């Protein structure tokens, strides 16, 4: 292998790591191939590239590192101590790249790929398991990475690329998102079983104007819906407690600490009565959202199509 001079500037010892990686990364597989065969011609044949190209790449790699990686003996080469040290890390890095490539290819496999799916806590006990069971009847090998959270947190993860799709409420309206309404869920006024309204089946929300409420924290979609419904009913709710979990709010209602507007429970909760709200119309819209322009893998596209086909019959209540 003949050393050749080149006009490009070499990396200096103070070069940024990002600059080093950008410059060296394309040559690592070449280096590993030459190190494995200890013969430039044989390595070039295995990698199906001109020997001259491979030789130049190795010379430039050494020049950029400022270290001799090979001891040259005619057509054969042997690793120097620095070369052996470098090879250990290069092989580890190439193996990690190969593993990552295999992982993303597996996730995109039409039959057995993965869908990163987010949804509201209230849909975790019945709605989402039922959806996945129905979808897997035709796609039995598709895998799911499931994330439960409140709406805004899921949208943040969607924007960060951590989720492919999410079910959320209210249906978001943002220029960087595509959102489709799928269904609506009735909200009920939940009162303690010894409350003055507990004997009723239906109630106007205005009848609770003088009561204290327990709600989710500001920023949660259901909190915004609660505030808006109370405003439509002509009052601003007096908030006694704020929480992060809907079933915790039901427990607070059962303890007599306030009323709450909540979706129906998966399992009836002792100590409370759930009343139908006749006015204003108390519902929350459930929708599916994804990023504008985000390319779908085949399993994500299939699950998205499935969700959209459930429009109007997403929920069981």
Foldseek 3Di string as FASTA:
>chain_A
DDADDDDDDADDPPDDPVVVCVVCVVCLVLLLLCAVVQFLVVSCVVVVHDSVVSVHSQNNNCRNVVHDQWDDDPRGTHGDPVVVVVNVVSVVVVVVVVVVVVLVVQLLDLQAHEFEEEEEPQCPPPLVVVLVVVLCVVRVRYYYNYHYFFDVVVVVCQVVVNHAKYKYWPFDDDPFKDKDWFAKFFWWKKAFCPDPCNVDQEDAVLVCQVWAAEEADPPGRQVVLVQVQVVQSPHGHHYDYHHGDPVVRNVCRLVVNTIYTGTDHPDDDPRMHTHGHPPPGGMIIIMMMHGPPDDDRNNSVSSVVSSNVNRHPSDDD
